[in-house]
Amino acid sequence: MPTKGPSMRYGNTNGAHHRGEATQNINYQWAKDFLGTNSKSHFRDHGVEMGFKNEKEYVASGIHFANDIDRKHYKSVINYKGETYKYDPGSKRLVVVTKNGYIRTYYSTKGSGGFYYYPKKGQKVWIKV
């Protein structure tokens, strides 16, 4: 499910001079879709707990969430693979977008208190939310 153009989108919290600019760490301007067949398994794992009735709603919400994030209201970090972790402190939602612009996962961190991310290979960091 592709989205419209890159207007007012950004791929990176640090290093980009304006929203919508690809950087050395990422090659996308906006998220395109879920990676491979991840949407089916992730909908089963996370979709119902997030209140979605079907996979189509879950996928559309994930893409919209990944593309609507701005630096002023949301948090974002990039791991050693170039995957961007985009987090909303208000709703406790997290999306992980690959270096090529595909969503790897989308879920709610409510109840977990945070999420792990990997700034360097073999280094696991807990991000408390």
Protein backbone atom coordinates (compact mmCIF):
# COMPACT_ATOMS: atom_id res chain seq x y z
CA MET A 1 0.00 0.00 0.00
CA PRO A 2 2.10 2.92 -1.22
CA THR A 3 1.60 6.37 0.13
CA LYS A 4 1.54 9.71 -1.64
CA GLY A 5 4.66 11.81 -2.21
CA PRO A 6 7.26 12.98 0.27
CA SER A 7 5.60 16.26 1.19
CA MET A 8 6.38 17.17 4.78
CA ARG A 9 7.97 13.78 5.49
CA TYR A 10 11.32 13.05 7.09
CA GLY A 11 13.44 10.01 7.50
CA ASN A 12 15.94 10.94 10.16
CA THR A 13 15.96 12.82 13.45
CA ASN A 14 19.58 13.94 13.14
CA GLY A 15 21.53 14.84 10.04
CA ALA A 16 18.70 15.93 7.76
CA HIS A 17 18.49 19.64 7.04
CA HIS A 18 14.78 19.53 6.37
CA ARG A 19 11.91 17.07 6.50
CA GLY A 20 11.76 14.71 3.57
CA GLU A 21 15.50 14.49 3.02
CA ALA A 22 17.15 11.09 2.77
CA THR A 23 20.48 10.90 4.60
CA GLN A 24 23.58 8.69 4.71
CA ASN A 25 21.73 6.40 7.11
CA ILE A 26 18.47 6.01 5.24
CA ASN A 27 17.44 5.82 1.60
CA TYR A 28 13.75 6.67 1.88
CA GLN A 29 11.69 9.81 2.22
CA TRP A 30 8.52 8.12 3.47
CA ALA A 31 7.44 4.63 4.48
CA LYS A 32 5.97 2.58 1.63
CA ASP A 33 4.52 -0.61 3.09
CA PHE A 34 5.25 -3.47 5.46
CA LEU A 35 8.35 -5.55 4.78
CA GLY A 36 7.47 -8.75 2.88
CA THR A 37 4.72 -10.69 4.64
CA ASN A 38 5.33 -9.06 8.04
CA SER A 39 1.91 -7.42 8.09
CA LYS A 40 0.05 -10.73 8.55
CA SER A 41 2.12 -11.96 11.48
CA HIS A 42 2.40 -8.53 13.08
CA PHE A 43 -1.35 -7.95 12.80
CA ARG A 44 -1.88 -11.25 14.65
CA ASP A 45 0.68 -10.22 17.29
CA HIS A 46 -0.16 -6.53 17.71
CA GLY A 47 -3.18 -5.47 15.65
CA VAL A 48 -5.96 -6.67 17.93
CA GLU A 49 -4.31 -5.30 21.08
CA MET A 50 -4.07 -1.93 19.32
CA GLY A 51 -7.79 -2.04 18.48
CA PHE A 52 -7.70 -2.77 14.74
CA LYS A 53 -10.45 -4.92 13.24
CA ASN A 54 -8.45 -6.22 10.30
CA GLU A 55 -5.00 -6.33 8.70
CA LYS A 56 -5.86 -3.58 6.20
CA GLU A 57 -6.64 -1.09 9.02
CA TYR A 58 -3.45 -2.08 10.86
CA VAL A 59 -1.25 -1.63 7.77
CA ALA A 60 -2.83 1.72 6.84
CA SER A 61 -2.39 3.01 10.39
CA GLY A 62 1.26 1.87 10.51
CA ILE A 63 2.10 3.61 7.24
CA HIS A 64 0.23 6.76 8.26
CA PHE A 65 1.95 6.79 11.66
CA ALA A 66 5.42 6.29 10.15
CA ASN A 67 4.87 9.14 7.70
CA ASP A 68 3.19 11.65 10.00
CA ILE A 69 5.81 11.82 12.68
CA ASP A 70 7.50 15.18 13.20
CA ARG A 71 10.55 15.97 15.30
CA LYS A 72 8.71 18.38 17.58
CA HIS A 73 6.14 15.92 18.98
CA TYR A 74 7.77 12.50 18.55
CA LYS A 75 11.04 10.72 19.36
CA SER A 76 13.22 8.94 16.82
CA VAL A 77 16.46 6.93 16.90
CA ILE A 78 18.39 5.00 14.24
CA ASN A 79 20.04 1.62 14.87
CA TYR A 80 23.28 0.28 13.38
CA LYS A 81 21.38 -1.24 10.41
CA GLY A 82 19.90 2.15 9.48
CA GLU A 83 16.44 1.22 10.77
CA THR A 84 14.53 4.17 12.17
CA TYR A 85 12.59 3.71 15.42
CA LYS A 86 9.79 6.28 15.57
CA TYR A 87 7.97 6.63 18.87
CA ASP A 88 4.96 8.63 20.08
CA PRO A 89 5.21 9.27 23.85
CA GLY A 90 1.51 10.21 24.01
CA SER A 91 -0.02 7.10 22.46
CA LYS A 92 2.96 4.81 23.26
CA ARG A 93 3.05 3.60 19.64
CA LEU A 94 6.31 2.54 18.00
CA VAL A 95 7.10 1.86 14.36
CA VAL A 96 10.41 0.53 13.02
CA VAL A 97 11.16 1.44 9.40
CA THR A 98 13.97 -0.22 7.43
CA LYS A 99 16.69 1.71 5.66
CA ASN A 100 14.78 1.23 2.40
CA GLY A 101 11.47 2.57 3.71
CA TYR A 102 9.57 -0.59 4.67
CA ILE A 103 7.89 -1.05 8.04
CA ARG A 104 9.44 -3.92 9.98
CA THR A 105 7.07 -3.67 12.94
CA TYR A 106 4.37 -1.44 14.43
CA TYR A 107 3.01 -1.90 17.94
CA SER A 108 2.02 -0.34 21.26
CA THR A 109 4.58 -0.23 24.07
CA LYS A 110 1.86 0.22 26.72
CA GLY A 111 2.59 -2.09 29.62
CA SER A 112 6.16 -2.81 28.56
CA GLY A 113 7.62 0.47 29.78
CA GLY A 114 9.87 0.81 26.74
CA PHE A 115 11.59 -0.98 23.88
CA TYR A 116 15.01 -2.29 22.89
CA TYR A 117 17.08 -0.83 20.10
CA TYR A 118 20.58 -1.63 18.85
CA PRO A 119 22.86 1.39 18.30
CA LYS A 120 25.83 -0.90 17.52
CA LYS A 121 26.03 -4.55 16.53
CA GLY A 122 25.85 -6.62 19.71
CA GLN A 123 24.85 -3.64 21.85
CA LYS A 124 21.28 -3.70 23.16
CA VAL A 125 19.87 -0.52 24.73
CA TRP A 126 16.57 -0.26 26.61
CA ILE A 127 14.68 2.93 25.78
CA LYS A 128 12.44 3.69 28.73
CA VAL A 129 9.16 5.37 27.86
